[in-house]
């Protein structure tokens, strides 16, 4: 553990982390908190395209059958 050189040299703010960097300066960084949730953005409702898959499949099958017969 290091020694305390000067007491109360920096006025501390709640939610901040203080450290001494490589140049010897006292630095302040906001502490990351994991529990805060962001507000959800409203989702845009989009109209779904109605595609008749069954009709497409039957069309493909009939095309294959006619190609085989020839």
N, C-alpha and C. Protein backbone atom coordinates (compact mmCIF):
# COMPACT_ATOMS: atom_id res chain seq x y z
N UNK A 1 0.84 -1.18 0.00
CA UNK A 1 0.00 0.00 0.00
C UNK A 1 0.88 1.23 0.00
N UNK A 2 0.40 2.29 -0.62
CA UNK A 2 1.16 3.54 -0.70
C UNK A 2 0.95 4.40 0.54
N UNK A 3 1.72 5.43 0.62
CA UNK A 3 1.62 6.37 1.75
C UNK A 3 0.72 7.54 1.36
N UNK A 4 0.03 8.10 2.35
CA UNK A 4 -0.77 9.30 2.15
C UNK A 4 0.18 10.48 2.29
N UNK A 5 0.35 11.24 1.22
CA UNK A 5 1.26 12.37 1.23
C UNK A 5 0.54 13.62 1.74
N UNK A 6 -0.63 13.93 1.14
CA UNK A 6 -1.41 15.10 1.53
C UNK A 6 -2.86 14.67 1.68
N UNK A 7 -3.46 14.96 2.84
CA UNK A 7 -4.86 14.63 3.05
C UNK A 7 -5.74 15.73 2.46
N UNK A 8 -6.86 15.35 1.88
CA UNK A 8 -7.86 16.26 1.32
C UNK A 8 -7.27 17.21 0.27
N UNK A 9 -6.39 16.72 -0.58
CA UNK A 9 -5.81 17.54 -1.64
C UNK A 9 -6.80 17.73 -2.79
N UNK A 10 -7.72 16.79 -2.94
CA UNK A 10 -8.71 16.83 -4.02
C UNK A 10 -10.09 16.76 -3.39
N UNK A 11 -10.99 17.64 -3.84
CA UNK A 11 -12.37 17.53 -3.37
C UNK A 11 -13.05 16.45 -4.20
N UNK A 12 -13.55 15.44 -3.53
CA UNK A 12 -14.11 14.29 -4.22
C UNK A 12 -15.57 14.51 -4.57
N UNK A 13 -15.94 13.97 -5.71
CA UNK A 13 -17.33 14.00 -6.17
C UNK A 13 -17.87 12.58 -6.09
N UNK A 14 -19.13 12.42 -5.70
CA UNK A 14 -19.68 11.06 -5.65
C UNK A 14 -19.79 10.47 -7.06
N UNK A 15 -19.47 9.18 -7.20
CA UNK A 15 -19.55 8.51 -8.49
C UNK A 15 -18.32 8.69 -9.36
N UNK A 16 -17.24 9.24 -8.80
CA UNK A 16 -16.00 9.42 -9.57
C UNK A 16 -14.86 8.64 -8.92
N UNK A 17 -13.94 8.23 -9.74
CA UNK A 17 -12.78 7.47 -9.30
C UNK A 17 -11.55 8.35 -9.49
N UNK A 18 -10.67 8.38 -8.52
CA UNK A 18 -9.47 9.20 -8.57
C UNK A 18 -8.24 8.30 -8.55
N UNK A 19 -7.26 8.62 -9.40
CA UNK A 19 -6.03 7.83 -9.46
C UNK A 19 -4.88 8.73 -9.87
N UNK A 20 -3.67 8.23 -9.65
CA UNK A 20 -2.45 8.95 -10.03
C UNK A 20 -1.93 8.30 -11.31
N UNK A 21 -1.79 9.10 -12.38
CA UNK A 21 -1.33 8.55 -13.65
C UNK A 21 0.19 8.45 -13.68
N UNK A 22 0.75 8.02 -14.82
CA UNK A 22 2.19 7.77 -14.93
C UNK A 22 3.02 9.05 -14.80
N UNK A 23 2.40 10.20 -15.12
CA UNK A 23 3.12 11.47 -15.01
C UNK A 23 3.06 12.04 -13.59
N UNK A 24 2.28 11.39 -12.71
CA UNK A 24 2.17 11.86 -11.33
C UNK A 24 1.00 12.78 -11.08
N UNK A 25 0.14 12.96 -12.08
CA UNK A 25 -1.04 13.80 -11.93
C UNK A 25 -2.19 13.03 -11.30
N UNK A 26 -3.02 13.72 -10.54
CA UNK A 26 -4.22 13.09 -10.00
C UNK A 26 -5.31 13.25 -11.05
N UNK A 27 -5.88 12.12 -11.47
CA UNK A 27 -6.89 12.12 -12.52
C UNK A 27 -8.24 11.69 -11.94
N UNK A 28 -9.28 12.14 -12.61
CA UNK A 28 -10.65 11.83 -12.18
C UNK A 28 -11.36 11.14 -13.33
N UNK A 29 -12.07 10.04 -13.04
CA UNK A 29 -12.84 9.32 -14.05
C UNK A 29 -14.18 8.95 -13.45
N UNK A 30 -15.23 9.05 -14.25
CA UNK A 30 -16.55 8.66 -13.78
C UNK A 30 -16.62 7.16 -13.70
N UNK A 31 -17.12 6.65 -12.57
CA UNK A 31 -17.19 5.20 -12.39
C UNK A 31 -18.33 4.62 -13.21
N UNK A 32 -18.07 3.49 -13.82
CA UNK A 32 -19.08 2.80 -14.62
C UNK A 32 -19.97 2.00 -13.68
N UNK A 33 -21.24 2.17 -13.85
CA UNK A 33 -22.21 1.44 -13.04
C UNK A 33 -22.99 0.51 -13.96
N UNK A 34 -23.14 -0.72 -13.54
CA UNK A 34 -23.75 -1.71 -14.42
C UNK A 34 -25.26 -1.80 -14.37
N UNK A 35 -25.92 -1.20 -13.43
CA UNK A 35 -27.35 -1.45 -13.27
C UNK A 35 -28.28 -0.49 -13.95
N UNK A 36 -27.80 0.57 -14.53
CA UNK A 36 -28.68 1.57 -15.11
C UNK A 36 -29.17 1.11 -16.48
N UNK A 37 -30.49 1.14 -16.67
CA UNK A 37 -31.06 0.73 -17.94
C UNK A 37 -31.47 1.96 -18.73
N UNK A 38 -31.30 1.88 -20.03
CA UNK A 38 -31.68 2.97 -20.91
C UNK A 38 -33.14 2.81 -21.30
N UNK A 39 -33.76 3.92 -21.67
CA UNK A 39 -35.14 3.87 -22.13
C UNK A 39 -35.18 3.21 -23.49
N UNK A 40 -36.21 2.39 -23.69
CA UNK A 40 -36.34 1.72 -24.98
C UNK A 40 -36.90 2.69 -26.00
N UNK A 41 -36.34 2.64 -27.18
CA UNK A 41 -36.82 3.47 -28.28
C UNK A 41 -38.11 2.88 -28.82
N UNK A 42 -39.04 3.72 -29.16
CA UNK A 42 -40.32 3.24 -29.69
C UNK A 42 -40.09 2.60 -31.05
N UNK A 43 -40.61 1.40 -31.21
CA UNK A 43 -40.46 0.69 -32.47
C UNK A 43 -41.50 1.18 -33.46
N UNK A 44 -41.07 1.33 -34.69
CA UNK A 44 -41.98 1.74 -35.73
C UNK A 44 -42.72 0.50 -36.24
N UNK A 45 -44.02 0.63 -36.35
CA UNK A 45 -44.81 -0.47 -36.87
C UNK A 45 -44.83 -0.39 -38.38
N UNK A 46 -44.44 -1.47 -39.00
CA UNK A 46 -44.44 -1.51 -40.46
C UNK A 46 -45.49 -2.50 -40.92
N UNK A 47 -46.12 -2.18 -41.98
CA UNK A 47 -47.13 -3.06 -42.54
C UNK A 47 -46.42 -4.25 -43.18
N UNK A 48 -46.86 -5.43 -42.82
CA UNK A 48 -46.24 -6.63 -43.37
C UNK A 48 -46.79 -6.90 -44.76
N UNK A 49 -45.91 -7.29 -45.62
CA UNK A 49 -46.32 -7.64 -46.97
C UNK A 49 -46.89 -9.05 -46.94
N UNK A 50 -48.06 -9.20 -47.50
CA UNK A 50 -48.68 -10.52 -47.54
C UNK A 50 -48.25 -11.22 -48.81
N UNK A 51 -47.50 -12.28 -48.63
CA UNK A 51 -47.00 -13.04 -49.76
C UNK A 51 -47.61 -14.42 -49.66
N UNK A 52 -48.21 -14.83 -50.71
CA UNK A 52 -48.81 -16.16 -50.72
C UNK A 52 -47.76 -17.17 -51.14
N UNK A 53 -47.18 -17.81 -50.14
CA UNK A 53 -46.11 -18.77 -50.41
C UNK A 53 -46.65 -20.04 -51.06
N UNK A 54 -47.82 -20.45 -50.64
CA UNK A 54 -48.39 -21.68 -51.17
C UNK A 54 -48.60 -21.58 -52.68
N UNK A 55 -49.04 -20.44 -53.14
CA UNK A 55 -49.28 -20.24 -54.57
C UNK A 55 -47.96 -20.29 -55.34
N UNK A 56 -46.91 -19.72 -54.76
CA UNK A 56 -45.61 -19.73 -55.43
C UNK A 56 -45.07 -21.15 -55.52
N UNK A 57 -45.24 -21.93 -54.44
CA UNK A 57 -44.73 -23.30 -54.43
C UNK A 57 -45.43 -24.16 -55.47
N UNK A 58 -46.73 -24.02 -55.54
CA UNK A 58 -47.47 -24.83 -56.51
C UNK A 58 -47.10 -24.43 -57.93
N UNK A 59 -46.85 -23.16 -58.16
CA UNK A 59 -46.45 -22.71 -59.49
C UNK A 59 -45.10 -23.31 -59.87
N UNK A 60 -44.19 -23.38 -58.90
CA UNK A 60 -42.87 -23.96 -59.18
C UNK A 60 -42.98 -25.45 -59.46
N UNK A 61 -43.84 -26.14 -58.69
CA UNK A 61 -44.00 -27.58 -58.88
C UNK A 61 -44.57 -27.90 -60.26
N UNK A 62 -45.55 -27.14 -60.66
CA UNK A 62 -46.15 -27.39 -61.97
C UNK A 62 -45.16 -27.09 -63.09
N UNK A 63 -44.33 -26.09 -62.88
CA UNK A 63 -43.32 -25.76 -63.90
C UNK A 63 -42.30 -26.90 -64.01
N UNK A 64 -41.92 -27.49 -62.89
CA UNK A 64 -40.98 -28.61 -62.91
C UNK A 64 -41.58 -29.82 -63.59
N UNK A 65 -42.87 -30.09 -63.30
CA UNK A 65 -43.53 -31.25 -63.88
C UNK A 65 -43.63 -31.11 -65.40
N UNK A 66 -43.96 -29.92 -65.86
CA UNK A 66 -44.07 -29.72 -67.32
C UNK A 66 -42.70 -29.82 -67.97
N UNK A 67 -41.65 -29.40 -67.28
CA UNK A 67 -40.31 -29.49 -67.85
C UNK A 67 -39.87 -30.95 -67.93
N UNK A 68 -40.27 -31.78 -66.99
CA UNK A 68 -39.90 -33.21 -67.00
C UNK A 68 -40.60 -33.96 -68.13
N UNK A 69 -41.86 -33.60 -68.37
CA UNK A 69 -42.65 -34.28 -69.40
C UNK A 69 -42.07 -34.05 -70.80
N UNK A 70 -41.48 -32.92 -71.02
CA UNK A 70 -40.96 -32.58 -72.35
C UNK A 70 -39.68 -33.23 -72.56
